[in-house]
Amino acid sequence: MIVEFVTFDSPKGWDRGKVLADAETTIPKWSANRELLRKHFLLGMGEAEGTGGGIYIWPSIEAAQRAHDDAWREGIKRRTGGYPTVRYFDLMLLIDNEQGRVTAWDAAGTPHDRTPASV
């Protein structure tokens, strides 16, 4: 399991409403991608103001790269004026207080329940 962290400069003059409206246009695309487990849309605050981002949860780097190909990168450039920065992280442990679950993934990507009642 991996986390893909994508950042890019928000277009000049775009406020939260404009960024959100643009993000909403991508709902059909990301909802239809069966490999994508979760996507969080981000907008910088404070020192990060002017930065947009996304946190994606994928089963593998290969799945992320299939979705974020050259056409996607060019689309980001058209909309924002620059290419995104993409970083990958191994998702080893997730504490999900909303669901009351704790999950760990081994190096092969197999999930293991670590919820306190099950430990």
PDB file of N, CA and C in Angstrom:
ATOM      1  N   MET A   1       0.858  -1.160   0.000  1.00  0.00           N
ATOM      2  CA  MET A   1       0.000   0.000   0.000  1.00  0.00           C
ATOM      3  C   MET A   1       0.908   1.227   0.000  1.00  0.00           C
ATOM      4  N   ILE A   2       0.547   2.218  -0.814  1.00  0.00           N
ATOM      5  CA  ILE A   2       1.379   3.415  -0.877  1.00  0.00           C
ATOM      6  C   ILE A   2       0.529   4.681  -0.762  1.00  0.00           C
ATOM      7  N   VAL A   3       1.195   5.745  -0.343  1.00  0.00           N
ATOM      8  CA  VAL A   3       0.628   7.086  -0.361  1.00  0.00           C
ATOM      9  C   VAL A   3       1.404   7.862  -1.406  1.00  0.00           C
ATOM     10  N   GLU A   4       0.678   8.518  -2.275  1.00  0.00           N
ATOM     11  CA  GLU A   4       1.281   9.407  -3.258  1.00  0.00           C
ATOM     12  C   GLU A   4       0.919  10.831  -2.827  1.00  0.00           C
ATOM     13  N   PHE A   5       1.936  11.663  -2.655  1.00  0.00           N
ATOM     14  CA  PHE A   5       1.730  13.050  -2.236  1.00  0.00           C
ATOM     15  C   PHE A   5       2.092  13.944  -3.410  1.00  0.00           C
ATOM     16  N   VAL A   6       1.095  14.655  -3.919  1.00  0.00           N
ATOM     17  CA  VAL A   6       1.252  15.517  -5.091  1.00  0.00           C
ATOM     18  C   VAL A   6       1.043  16.957  -4.660  1.00  0.00           C
ATOM     19  N   THR A   7       1.969  17.844  -5.062  1.00  0.00           N
ATOM     20  CA  THR A   7       1.798  19.269  -4.804  1.00  0.00           C
ATOM     21  C   THR A   7       2.022  20.050  -6.093  1.00  0.00           C
ATOM     22  N   PHE A   8       1.415  21.221  -6.156  1.00  0.00           N
ATOM     23  CA  PHE A   8       1.554  22.102  -7.314  1.00  0.00           C
ATOM     24  C   PHE A   8       1.189  23.510  -6.874  1.00  0.00           C
ATOM     25  N   ASP A   9       1.646  24.499  -7.618  1.00  0.00           N
ATOM     26  CA  ASP A   9       1.277  25.889  -7.337  1.00  0.00           C
ATOM     27  C   ASP A   9      -0.141  26.121  -7.826  1.00  0.00           C
ATOM     28  N   SER A  10      -0.953  26.704  -6.964  1.00  0.00           N
ATOM     29  CA  SER A  10      -2.310  27.062  -7.380  1.00  0.00           C
ATOM     30  C   SER A  10      -2.228  28.230  -8.357  1.00  0.00           C
ATOM     31  N   PRO A  11      -3.121  28.282  -9.328  1.00  0.00           N
ATOM     32  CA  PRO A  11      -3.110  29.415 -10.264  1.00  0.00           C
ATOM     33  C   PRO A  11      -3.296  30.738  -9.533  1.00  0.00           C
ATOM     34  N   LYS A  12      -2.601  31.751  -9.979  1.00  0.00           N
ATOM     35  CA  LYS A  12      -2.705  33.091  -9.391  1.00  0.00           C
ATOM     36  C   LYS A  12      -4.155  33.573  -9.443  1.00  0.00           C
ATOM     37  N   GLY A  13      -4.610  34.131  -8.349  1.00  0.00           N
ATOM     38  CA  GLY A  13      -5.949  34.692  -8.285  1.00  0.00           C
ATOM     39  C   GLY A  13      -7.048  33.695  -7.964  1.00  0.00           C
ATOM     40  N   TRP A  14      -6.715  32.405  -7.858  1.00  0.00           N
ATOM     41  CA  TRP A  14      -7.740  31.419  -7.536  1.00  0.00           C
ATOM     42  C   TRP A  14      -7.957  31.393  -6.030  1.00  0.00           C
ATOM     43  N   ASP A  15      -9.211  31.578  -5.605  1.00  0.00           N
ATOM     44  CA  ASP A  15      -9.539  31.452  -4.197  1.00  0.00           C
ATOM     45  C   ASP A  15     -10.021  30.026  -3.922  1.00  0.00           C
ATOM     46  N   ARG A  16     -10.381  29.762  -2.686  1.00  0.00           N
ATOM     47  CA  ARG A  16     -10.806  28.411  -2.297  1.00  0.00           C
ATOM     48  C   ARG A  16     -11.971  27.914  -3.155  1.00  0.00           C
ATOM     49  N   GLY A  17     -12.931  28.790  -3.415  1.00  0.00           N
ATOM     50  CA  GLY A  17     -14.093  28.401  -4.215  1.00  0.00           C
ATOM     51  C   GLY A  17     -13.710  27.974  -5.619  1.00  0.00           C
ATOM     52  N   LYS A  18     -12.803  28.695  -6.249  1.00  0.00           N
ATOM     53  CA  LYS A  18     -12.366  28.358  -7.611  1.00  0.00           C
ATOM     54  C   LYS A  18     -11.575  27.044  -7.609  1.00  0.00           C
ATOM     55  N   VAL A  19     -10.702  26.867  -6.614  1.00  0.00           N
ATOM     56  CA  VAL A  19      -9.931  25.617  -6.525  1.00  0.00           C
ATOM     57  C   VAL A  19     -10.875  24.435  -6.304  1.00  0.00           C
ATOM     58  N   LEU A  20     -11.861  24.612  -5.418  1.00  0.00           N
ATOM     59  CA  LEU A  20     -12.824  23.545  -5.156  1.00  0.00           C
ATOM     60  C   LEU A  20     -13.643  23.226  -6.401  1.00  0.00           C
ATOM     61  N   ALA A  21     -14.095  24.248  -7.112  1.00  0.00           N
ATOM     62  CA  ALA A  21     -14.873  24.015  -8.337  1.00  0.00           C
ATOM     63  C   ALA A  21     -14.052  23.237  -9.362  1.00  0.00           C
ATOM     64  N   ASP A  22     -12.771  23.583  -9.490  1.00  0.00           N
ATOM     65  CA  ASP A  22     -11.896  22.851 -10.410  1.00  0.00           C
ATOM     66  C   ASP A  22     -11.732  21.400  -9.956  1.00  0.00           C
ATOM     67  N   ALA A  23     -11.526  21.202  -8.653  1.00  0.00           N
ATOM     68  CA  ALA A  23     -11.373  19.844  -8.122  1.00  0.00           C
ATOM     69  C   ALA A  23     -12.625  19.009  -8.381  1.00  0.00           C
ATOM     70  N   GLU A  24     -13.783  19.618  -8.232  1.00  0.00           N
ATOM     71  CA  GLU A  24     -15.036  18.885  -8.426  1.00  0.00           C
ATOM     72  C   GLU A  24     -15.199  18.385  -9.857  1.00  0.00           C
ATOM     73  N   THR A  25     -14.566  19.041 -10.821  1.00  0.00           N
ATOM     74  CA  THR A  25     -14.668  18.567 -12.200  1.00  0.00           C
ATOM     75  C   THR A  25     -13.977  17.218 -12.381  1.00  0.00           C
ATOM     76  N   THR A  26     -13.096  16.846 -11.440  1.00  0.00           N
ATOM     77  CA  THR A  26     -12.359  15.579 -11.559  1.00  0.00           C
ATOM     78  C   THR A  26     -13.052  14.418 -10.845  1.00  0.00           C
ATOM     79  N   ILE A  27     -14.169  14.680 -10.184  1.00  0.00           N
ATOM     80  CA  ILE A  27     -14.862  13.614  -9.438  1.00  0.00           C
ATOM     81  C   ILE A  27     -15.174  12.403 -10.320  1.00  0.00           C
ATOM     82  N   PRO A  28     -15.763  12.579 -11.508  1.00  0.00           N
ATOM     83  CA  PRO A  28     -16.063  11.383 -12.320  1.00  0.00           C
ATOM     84  C   PRO A  28     -14.814  10.563 -12.652  1.00  0.00           C
ATOM     85  N   LYS A  29     -13.729  11.236 -12.998  1.00  0.00           N
ATOM     86  CA  LYS A  29     -12.497  10.522 -13.355  1.00  0.00           C
ATOM     87  C   LYS A  29     -11.988   9.688 -12.183  1.00  0.00           C
ATOM     88  N   TRP A  30     -11.850  10.318 -11.018  1.00  0.00           N
ATOM     89  CA  TRP A  30     -11.273   9.591  -9.881  1.00  0.00           C
ATOM     90  C   TRP A  30     -12.243   8.580  -9.303  1.00  0.00           C
ATOM     91  N   SER A  31     -13.528   8.853  -9.359  1.00  0.00           N
ATOM     92  CA  SER A  31     -14.515   7.876  -8.877  1.00  0.00           C
ATOM     93  C   SER A  31     -14.525   6.622  -9.737  1.00  0.00           C
ATOM     94  N   ALA A  32     -14.212   6.766 -11.017  1.00  0.00           N
ATOM     95  CA  ALA A  32     -14.218   5.624 -11.941  1.00  0.00           C
ATOM     96  C   ALA A  32     -12.929   4.802 -11.881  1.00  0.00           C
ATOM     97  N   ASN A  33     -11.882   5.325 -11.258  1.00  0.00           N
ATOM     98  CA  ASN A  33     -10.610   4.603 -11.199  1.00  0.00           C
ATOM     99  C   ASN A  33     -10.677   3.571 -10.084  1.00  0.00           C
ATOM    100  N   ARG A  34     -10.801   2.305 -10.446  1.00  0.00           N
ATOM    101  CA  ARG A  34     -10.974   1.232  -9.468  1.00  0.00           C
ATOM    102  C   ARG A  34      -9.705   0.935  -8.673  1.00  0.00           C
ATOM    103  N   GLU A  35      -8.565   1.405  -9.140  1.00  0.00           N
ATOM    104  CA  GLU A  35      -7.331   1.180  -8.385  1.00  0.00           C
ATOM    105  C   GLU A  35      -7.151   2.211  -7.268  1.00  0.00           C
ATOM    106  N   LEU A  36      -7.753   3.378  -7.425  1.00  0.00           N
ATOM    107  CA  LEU A  36      -7.631   4.423  -6.415  1.00  0.00           C
ATOM    108  C   LEU A  36      -8.485   4.068  -5.207  1.00  0.00           C
ATOM    109  N   LEU A  37      -7.853   4.007  -4.047  1.00  0.00           N
ATOM    110  CA  LEU A  37      -8.591   3.687  -2.832  1.00  0.00           C
ATOM    111  C   LEU A  37      -9.151   4.937  -2.157  1.00  0.00           C
ATOM    112  N   ARG A  38      -8.383   6.032  -2.191  1.00  0.00           N
ATOM    113  CA  ARG A  38      -8.827   7.261  -1.546  1.00  0.00           C
ATOM    114  C   ARG A  38      -8.031   8.426  -2.113  1.00  0.00           C
ATOM    115  N   LYS A  39      -8.670   9.573  -2.194  1.00  0.00           N
ATOM    116  CA  LYS A  39      -7.987  10.791  -2.637  1.00  0.00           C
ATOM    117  C   LYS A  39      -8.446  11.938  -1.750  1.00  0.00           C
ATOM    118  N   HIS A  40      -7.491  12.682  -1.244  1.00  0.00           N
ATOM    119  CA  HIS A  40      -7.755  13.871  -0.443  1.00  0.00           C
ATOM    120  C   HIS A  40      -7.272  15.078  -1.239  1.00  0.00           C
ATOM    121  N   PHE A  41      -8.130  16.060  -1.425  1.00  0.00           N
ATOM    122  CA  PHE A  41      -7.767  17.307  -2.097  1.00  0.00           C
ATOM    123  C   PHE A  41      -7.305  18.297  -1.029  1.00  0.00           C
ATOM    124  N   LEU A  42      -6.183  18.971  -1.289  1.00  0.00           N
ATOM    125  CA  LEU A  42      -5.595  19.858  -0.292  1.00  0.00           C
ATOM    126  C   LEU A  42      -5.423  21.270  -0.840  1.00  0.00           C
ATOM    127  N   LEU A  43      -5.519  22.251   0.047  1.00  0.00           N
ATOM    128  CA  LEU A  43      -5.240  23.634  -0.300  1.00  0.00           C
ATOM    129  C   LEU A  43      -4.406  24.220   0.834  1.00  0.00           C
ATOM    130  N   GLY A  44      -3.230  24.731   0.483  1.00  0.00           N
ATOM    131  CA  GLY A  44      -2.290  25.230   1.477  1.00  0.00           C
ATOM    132  C   GLY A  44      -2.844  26.375   2.301  1.00  0.00           C
ATOM    133  N   MET A  45      -2.395  26.421   3.552  1.00  0.00           N
ATOM    134  CA  MET A  45      -2.754  27.485   4.487  1.00  0.00           C
ATOM    135  C   MET A  45      -1.458  28.013   5.106  1.00  0.00           C
ATOM    136  N   GLY A  46      -1.486  29.235   5.594  1.00  0.00           N
ATOM    137  CA  GLY A  46      -0.304  29.792   6.245  1.00  0.00           C
ATOM    138  C   GLY A  46       0.879  29.800   5.296  1.00  0.00           C
ATOM    139  N   GLU A  47       2.003  29.223   5.731  1.00  0.00           N
ATOM    140  CA  GLU A  47       3.209  29.189   4.899  1.00  0.00           C
ATOM    141  C   GLU A  47       3.001  28.458   3.582  1.00  0.00           C
ATOM    142  N   ALA A  48       2.042  27.540   3.545  1.00  0.00           N
ATOM    143  CA  ALA A  48       1.780  26.761   2.329  1.00  0.00           C
ATOM    144  C   ALA A  48       0.728  27.408   1.426  1.00  0.00           C
ATOM    145  N   GLU A  49       0.264  28.601   1.787  1.00  0.00           N
ATOM    146  CA  GLU A  49      -0.746  29.268   0.965  1.00  0.00           C
ATOM    147  C   GLU A  49      -0.238  29.395  -0.470  1.00  0.00           C
ATOM    148  N   GLY A  50      -1.123  29.150  -1.427  1.00  0.00           N
ATOM    149  CA  GLY A  50      -0.752  29.192  -2.835  1.00  0.00           C
ATOM    150  C   GLY A  50      -0.335  27.837  -3.373  1.00  0.00           C
ATOM    151  N   THR A  51      -0.371  26.833  -2.511  1.00  0.00           N
ATOM    152  CA  THR A  51      -0.028  25.468  -2.918  1.00  0.00           C
ATOM    153  C   THR A  51      -1.277  24.608  -2.877  1.00  0.00           C
ATOM    154  N   GLY A  52      -1.488  23.854  -3.944  1.00  0.00           N
ATOM    155  CA  GLY A  52      -2.548  22.860  -3.970  1.00  0.00           C
ATOM    156  C   GLY A  52      -1.909  21.493  -3.844  1.00  0.00           C
ATOM    157  N   GLY A  53      -2.711  20.514  -3.499  1.00  0.00           N
ATOM    158  CA  GLY A  53      -2.135  19.186  -3.378  1.00  0.00           C
ATOM    159  C   GLY A  53      -3.178  18.100  -3.331  1.00  0.00           C
ATOM    160  N   GLY A  54      -2.667  16.894  -3.369  1.00  0.00           N
ATOM    161  CA  GLY A  54      -3.513  15.725  -3.255  1.00  0.00           C
ATOM    162  C   GLY A  54      -2.760  14.616  -2.545  1.00  0.00           C
ATOM    163  N   ILE A  55      -3.481  13.908  -1.725  1.00  0.00           N
ATOM    164  CA  ILE A  55      -2.956  12.697  -1.100  1.00  0.00           C
ATOM    165  C   ILE A  55      -3.796  11.556  -1.655  1.00  0.00           C
ATOM    166  N   TYR A  56      -3.113  10.619  -2.294  1.00  0.00           N
ATOM    167  CA  TYR A  56      -3.767   9.477  -2.925  1.00  0.00           C
ATOM    168  C   TYR A  56      -3.314   8.203  -2.223  1.00  0.00           C
ATOM    169  N   ILE A  57      -4.240   7.288  -2.028  1.00  0.00           N
ATOM    170  CA  ILE A  57      -3.905   5.973  -1.484  1.00  0.00           C
ATOM    171  C   ILE A  57      -4.097   4.967  -2.615  1.00  0.00           C
ATOM    172  N   TRP A  58      -3.015   4.259  -2.943  1.00  0.00           N
ATOM    173  CA  TRP A  58      -2.992   3.296  -4.047  1.00  0.00           C
ATOM    174  C   TRP A  58      -2.458   1.949  -3.548  1.00  0.00           C
ATOM    175  N   PRO A  59      -2.774   0.869  -4.264  1.00  0.00           N
ATOM    176  CA  PRO A  59      -2.192  -0.422  -3.899  1.00  0.00           C
ATOM    177  C   PRO A  59      -0.713  -0.525  -4.272  1.00  0.00           C
ATOM    178  N   SER A  60      -0.253   0.309  -5.226  1.00  0.00           N
ATOM    179  CA  SER A  60       1.143   0.218  -5.684  1.00  0.00           C
ATOM    180  C   SER A  60       1.553   1.505  -6.398  1.00  0.00           C
ATOM    181  N   ILE A  61       2.860   1.702  -6.510  1.00  0.00           N
ATOM    182  CA  ILE A  61       3.379   2.834  -7.279  1.00  0.00           C
ATOM    183  C   ILE A  61       2.950   2.704  -8.739  1.00  0.00           C
ATOM    184  N   GLU A  62       2.942   1.489  -9.251  1.00  0.00           N
ATOM    185  CA  GLU A  62       2.555   1.268 -10.650  1.00  0.00           C
ATOM    186  C   GLU A  62       1.127   1.742 -10.912  1.00  0.00           C
ATOM    187  N   ALA A  63       0.223   1.501  -9.961  1.00  0.00           N
ATOM    188  CA  ALA A  63      -1.163   1.967 -10.116  1.00  0.00           C
ATOM    189  C   ALA A  63      -1.202   3.497 -10.155  1.00  0.00           C
ATOM    190  N   ALA A  64      -0.418   4.128  -9.280  1.00  0.00           N
ATOM    191  CA  ALA A  64      -0.356   5.597  -9.262  1.00  0.00           C
ATOM    192  C   ALA A  64       0.193   6.123 -10.580  1.00  0.00           C
ATOM    193  N   GLN A  65       1.220   5.493 -11.081  1.00  0.00           N
ATOM    194  CA  GLN A  65       1.842   5.960 -12.320  1.00  0.00           C
ATOM    195  C   GLN A  65       0.948   5.750 -13.535  1.00  0.00           C
ATOM    196  N   ARG A  66       0.107   4.710 -13.509  1.00  0.00           N
ATOM    197  CA  ARG A  66      -0.843   4.523 -14.610  1.00  0.00           C
ATOM    198  C   ARG A  66      -1.835   5.688 -14.652  1.00  0.00           C
ATOM    199  N   ALA A  67      -2.267   6.142 -13.493  1.00  0.00           N
ATOM    200  CA  ALA A  67      -3.241   7.239 -13.436  1.00  0.00           C
ATOM    201  C   ALA A  67      -2.583   8.592 -13.669  1.00  0.00           C
ATOM    202  N   HIS A  68      -1.361   8.720 -13.230  1.00  0.00           N
ATOM    203  CA  HIS A  68      -0.652   9.996 -13.331  1.00  0.00           C
ATOM    204  C   HIS A  68       0.420   9.915 -14.411  1.00  0.00           C
ATOM    205  N   ASP A  69      -0.057   9.767 -15.616  1.00  0.00           N
ATOM    206  CA  ASP A  69       0.820   9.636 -16.781  1.00  0.00           C
ATOM    207  C   ASP A  69       1.155  11.017 -17.348  1.00  0.00           C
ATOM    208  N   ASP A  70       1.793  11.048 -18.505  1.00  0.00           N
ATOM    209  CA  ASP A  70       2.181  12.318 -19.121  1.00  0.00           C
ATOM    210  C   ASP A  70       0.976  13.200 -19.435  1.00  0.00           C
ATOM    211  N   ALA A  71      -0.129  12.600 -19.852  1.00  0.00           N
ATOM    212  CA  ALA A  71      -1.332  13.385 -20.153  1.00  0.00           C
ATOM    213  C   ALA A  71      -1.853  14.084 -18.894  1.00  0.00           C
ATOM    214  N   TRP A  72      -1.834  13.390 -17.767  1.00  0.00           N
ATOM    215  CA  TRP A  72      -2.259  13.985 -16.498  1.00  0.00           C
ATOM    216  C   TRP A  72      -1.332  15.138 -16.126  1.00  0.00           C
ATOM    217  N   ARG A  73      -0.009  14.918 -16.241  1.00  0.00           N
ATOM    218  CA  ARG A  73       0.968  15.967 -15.908  1.00  0.00           C
ATOM    219  C   ARG A  73       0.752  17.213 -16.783  1.00  0.00           C
ATOM    220  N   GLU A  74       0.497  16.989 -18.071  1.00  0.00           N
ATOM    221  CA  GLU A  74       0.256  18.120 -18.968  1.00  0.00           C
ATOM    222  C   GLU A  74      -1.037  18.842 -18.605  1.00  0.00           C
ATOM    223  N   GLY A  75      -2.053  18.097 -18.174  1.00  0.00           N
ATOM    224  CA  GLY A  75      -3.310  18.709 -17.739  1.00  0.00           C
ATOM    225  C   GLY A  75      -3.114  19.593 -16.516  1.00  0.00           C
ATOM    226  N   ILE A  76      -2.296  19.135 -15.571  1.00  0.00           N
ATOM    227  CA  ILE A  76      -1.973  19.956 -14.396  1.00  0.00           C
ATOM    228  C   ILE A  76      -1.262  21.233 -14.842  1.00  0.00           C
ATOM    229  N   LYS A  77      -0.323  21.086 -15.771  1.00  0.00           N
ATOM    230  CA  LYS A  77       0.420  22.262 -16.252  1.00  0.00           C
ATOM    231  C   LYS A  77      -0.521  23.256 -16.933  1.00  0.00           C
ATOM    232  N   ARG A  78      -1.452  22.757 -17.757  1.00  0.00           N
ATOM    233  CA  ARG A  78      -2.409  23.640 -18.435  1.00  0.00           C
ATOM    234  C   ARG A  78      -3.253  24.410 -17.422  1.00  0.00           C
ATOM    235  N   ARG A  79      -3.698  23.712 -16.369  1.00  0.00           N
ATOM    236  CA  ARG A  79      -4.601  24.339 -15.403  1.00  0.00           C
ATOM    237  C   ARG A  79      -3.883  25.234 -14.397  1.00  0.00           C
ATOM    238  N   THR A  80      -2.640  24.908 -14.045  1.00  0.00           N
ATOM    239  CA  THR A  80      -1.971  25.630 -12.967  1.00  0.00           C
ATOM    240  C   THR A  80      -0.767  26.444 -13.414  1.00  0.00           C
ATOM    241  N   GLY A  81      -0.257  26.165 -14.607  1.00  0.00           N
ATOM    242  CA  GLY A  81       0.921  26.875 -15.086  1.00  0.00           C
ATOM    243  C   GLY A  81       2.232  26.183 -14.802  1.00  0.00           C
ATOM    244  N   GLY A  82       2.211  25.068 -14.082  1.00  0.00           N
ATOM    245  CA  GLY A  82       3.449  24.349 -13.768  1.00  0.00           C
ATOM    246  C   GLY A  82       3.195  22.863 -13.556  1.00  0.00           C
ATOM    247  N   TYR A  83       4.265  22.107 -13.598  1.00  0.00           N
ATOM    248  CA  TYR A  83       4.157  20.664 -13.376  1.00  0.00           C
ATOM    249  C   TYR A  83       4.066  20.356 -11.878  1.00  0.00           C
ATOM    250  N   PRO A  84       3.394  19.273 -11.520  1.00  0.00           N
ATOM    251  CA  PRO A  84       3.297  18.894 -10.109  1.00  0.00           C
ATOM    252  C   PRO A  84       4.591  18.226  -9.622  1.00  0.00           C
ATOM    253  N   THR A  85       4.755  18.240  -8.324  1.00  0.00           N
ATOM    254  CA  THR A  85       5.791  17.456  -7.656  1.00  0.00           C
ATOM    255  C   THR A  85       5.109  16.219  -7.091  1.00  0.00           C
ATOM    256  N   VAL A  86       5.671  15.042  -7.341  1.00  0.00           N
ATOM    257  CA  VAL A  86       5.068  13.781  -6.912  1.00  0.00           C
ATOM    258  C   VAL A  86       6.065  13.037  -6.031  1.00  0.00           C
ATOM    259  N   ARG A  87       5.597  12.592  -4.872  1.00  0.00           N
ATOM    260  CA  ARG A  87       6.424  11.793  -3.959  1.00  0.00           C
ATOM    261  C   ARG A  87       5.621  10.584  -3.504  1.00  0.00           C
ATOM    262  N   TYR A  88       6.329   9.477  -3.291  1.00  0.00           N
ATOM    263  CA  TYR A  88       5.698   8.223  -2.872  1.00  0.00           C
ATOM    264  C   TYR A  88       6.184   7.830  -1.487  1.00  0.00           C
ATOM    265  N   PHE A  89       5.266   7.244  -0.712  1.00  0.00           N
ATOM    266  CA  PHE A  89       5.575   6.789   0.634  1.00  0.00           C
ATOM    267  C   PHE A  89       4.951   5.412   0.847  1.00  0.00           C
ATOM    268  N   ASP A  90       5.644   4.572   1.585  1.00  0.00           N
ATOM    269  CA  ASP A  90       5.137   3.261   1.983  1.00  0.00           C
ATOM    270  C   ASP A  90       4.128   3.482   3.105  1.00  0.00           C
ATOM    271  N   LEU A  91       2.888   3.099   2.876  1.00  0.00           N
ATOM    272  CA  LEU A  91       1.860   3.210   3.916  1.00  0.00           C
ATOM    273  C   LEU A  91       1.957   1.964   4.785  1.00  0.00           C
ATOM    274  N   MET A  92       2.580   2.102   5.949  1.00  0.00           N
ATOM    275  CA  MET A  92       2.844   0.957   6.828  1.00  0.00           C
ATOM    276  C   MET A  92       1.759   0.757   7.873  1.00  0.00           C
ATOM    277  N   LEU A  93       1.212   1.862   8.379  1.00  0.00           N
ATOM    278  CA  LEU A  93       0.280   1.779   9.504  1.00  0.00           C
ATOM    279  C   LEU A  93      -0.746   2.891   9.384  1.00  0.00           C
ATOM    280  N   LEU A  94      -2.004   2.564   9.596  1.00  0.00           N
ATOM    281  CA  LEU A  94      -3.087   3.540   9.542  1.00  0.00           C
ATOM    282  C   LEU A  94      -3.928   3.419  10.806  1.00  0.00           C
ATOM    283  N   ILE A  95      -4.069   4.525  11.507  1.00  0.00           N
ATOM    284  CA  ILE A  95      -4.993   4.605  12.634  1.00  0.00           C
ATOM    285  C   ILE A  95      -6.212   5.358  12.124  1.00  0.00           C
ATOM    286  N   ASP A  96      -7.343   4.684  12.035  1.00  0.00           N
ATOM    287  CA  ASP A  96      -8.570   5.268  11.512  1.00  0.00           C
ATOM    288  C   ASP A  96      -9.573   5.388  12.656  1.00  0.00           C
ATOM    289  N   ASN A  97      -9.565   6.534  13.324  1.00  0.00           N
ATOM    290  CA  ASN A  97     -10.455   6.734  14.461  1.00  0.00           C
ATOM    291  C   ASN A  97     -11.914   6.811  14.048  1.00  0.00           C
ATOM    292  N   GLU A  98     -12.199   7.241  12.810  1.00  0.00           N
ATOM    293  CA  GLU A  98     -13.595   7.290  12.348  1.00  0.00           C
ATOM    294  C   GLU A  98     -14.194   5.887  12.302  1.00  0.00           C
ATOM    295  N   GLN A  99     -13.412   4.918  11.847  1.00  0.00           N
ATOM    296  CA  GLN A  99     -13.897   3.542  11.723  1.00  0.00           C
ATOM    297  C   GLN A  99     -13.541   2.690  12.947  1.00  0.00           C
ATOM    298  N   GLY A 100     -12.735   3.241  13.844  1.00  0.00           N
ATOM    299  CA  GLY A 100     -12.322   2.484  15.024  1.00  0.00           C
ATOM    300  C   GLY A 100     -11.402   1.324  14.681  1.00  0.00           C
ATOM    301  N   ARG A 101     -10.525   1.544  13.679  1.00  0.00           N
ATOM    302  CA  ARG A 101      -9.652   0.463  13.198  1.00  0.00           C
ATOM    303  C   ARG A 101      -8.206   0.927  13.119  1.00  0.00           C
ATOM    304  N   VAL A 102      -7.325  -0.026  13.301  1.00  0.00           N
ATOM    305  CA  VAL A 102      -5.905   0.186  13.080  1.00  0.00           C
ATOM    306  C   VAL A 102      -5.455  -0.926  12.139  1.00  0.00           C
ATOM    307  N   THR A 103      -4.807  -0.544  11.033  1.00  0.00           N
ATOM    308  CA  THR A 103      -4.358  -1.501  10.025  1.00  0.00           C
ATOM    309  C   THR A 103      -2.882  -1.289   9.760  1.00  0.00           C
ATOM    310  N   ALA A 104      -2.133  -2.394   9.693  1.00  0.00           N
ATOM    311  CA  ALA A 104      -0.730  -2.365   9.285  1.00  0.00           C
ATOM    312  C   ALA A 104      -0.621  -3.161   7.996  1.00  0.00           C
ATOM    313  N   TRP A 105       0.310  -2.765   7.119  1.00  0.00           N
ATOM    314  CA  TRP A 105       0.570  -3.493   5.884  1.00  0.00           C
ATOM    315  C   TRP A 105       1.990  -4.027   5.938  1.00  0.00           C
ATOM    316  N   ASP A 106       2.155  -5.282   5.534  1.00  0.00           N
ATOM    317  CA  ASP A 106       3.506  -5.831   5.463  1.00  0.00           C
ATOM    318  C   ASP A 106       4.165  -5.370   4.161  1.00  0.00           C
ATOM    319  N   ALA A 107       5.424  -5.747   3.964  1.00  0.00           N
ATOM    320  CA  ALA A 107       6.179  -5.288   2.797  1.00  0.00           C
ATOM    321  C   ALA A 107       5.551  -5.736   1.482  1.00  0.00           C
ATOM    322  N   ALA A 108       4.780  -6.802   1.501  1.00  0.00           N
ATOM    323  CA  ALA A 108       4.112  -7.294   0.293  1.00  0.00           C
ATOM    324  C   ALA A 108       2.777  -6.590   0.044  1.00  0.00           C
ATOM    325  N   GLY A 109       2.361  -5.712   0.975  1.00  0.00           N
ATOM    326  CA  GLY A 109       1.108  -4.989   0.808  1.00  0.00           C
ATOM    327  C   GLY A 109      -0.104  -5.681   1.401  1.00  0.00           C
ATOM    328  N   THR A 110       0.109  -6.736   2.177  1.00  0.00           N
ATOM    329  CA  THR A 110      -0.999  -7.459   2.800  1.00  0.00           C
ATOM    330  C   THR A 110      -1.408  -6.739   4.084  1.00  0.00           C
ATOM    331  N   PRO A 111      -2.707  -6.420   4.221  1.00  0.00           N
ATOM    332  CA  PRO A 111      -3.150  -5.727   5.430  1.00  0.00           C
ATOM    333  C   PRO A 111      -3.280  -6.682   6.616  1.00  0.00           C
ATOM    334  N   HIS A 112      -3.017  -6.149   7.805  1.00  0.00           N
ATOM    335  CA  HIS A 112      -3.150  -6.898   9.056  1.00  0.00           C
ATOM    336  C   HIS A 112      -3.859  -6.005  10.064  1.00  0.00           C
ATOM    337  N   ASP A 113      -4.943  -6.522  10.628  1.00  0.00           N
ATOM    338  CA  ASP A 113      -5.712  -5.771  11.609  1.00  0.00           C
ATOM    339  C   ASP A 113      -4.906  -5.628  12.888  1.00  0.00           C
ATOM    340  N   ARG A 114      -4.748  -4.384  13.343  1.00  0.00           N
ATOM    341  CA  ARG A 114      -4.042  -4.102  14.591  1.00  0.00           C
ATOM    342  C   ARG A 114      -4.942  -3.334  15.547  1.00  0.00           C
ATOM    343  N   THR A 115      -6.246  -3.393  15.296  1.00  0.00           N
ATOM    344  CA  THR A 115      -7.198  -2.720  16.150  1.00  0.00           C
ATOM    345  C   THR A 115      -6.998  -3.226  17.584  1.00  0.00           C
ATOM    346  N   PRO A 116      -6.924  -2.323  18.571  1.00  0.00           N
ATOM    347  CA  PRO A 116      -6.602  -2.734  19.935  1.00  0.00           C
ATOM    348  C   PRO A 116      -7.357  -3.951  20.451  1.00  0.00           C
ATOM    349  N   ALA A 117      -8.638  -4.069  20.134  1.00  0.00           N
ATOM    350  CA  ALA A 117      -9.407  -5.244  20.610  1.00  0.00           C
ATOM    351  C   ALA A 117      -8.906  -6.528  19.971  1.00  0.00           C
ATOM    352  N   SER A 118      -8.213  -6.421  18.811  1.00  0.00           N
ATOM    353  CA  SER A 118      -7.767  -7.629  18.114  1.00  0.00           C
ATOM    354  C   SER A 118      -6.300  -7.959  18.386  1.00  0.00           C
ATOM    355  N   VAL A 119      -5.587  -7.045  19.058  1.00  0.00           N
ATOM    356  CA  VAL A 119      -4.160  -7.274  19.305  1.00  0.00           C
ATOM    357  C   VAL A 119      -3.956  -8.200  20.476  1.00  0.00           C
TER     358      VAL A 119
END
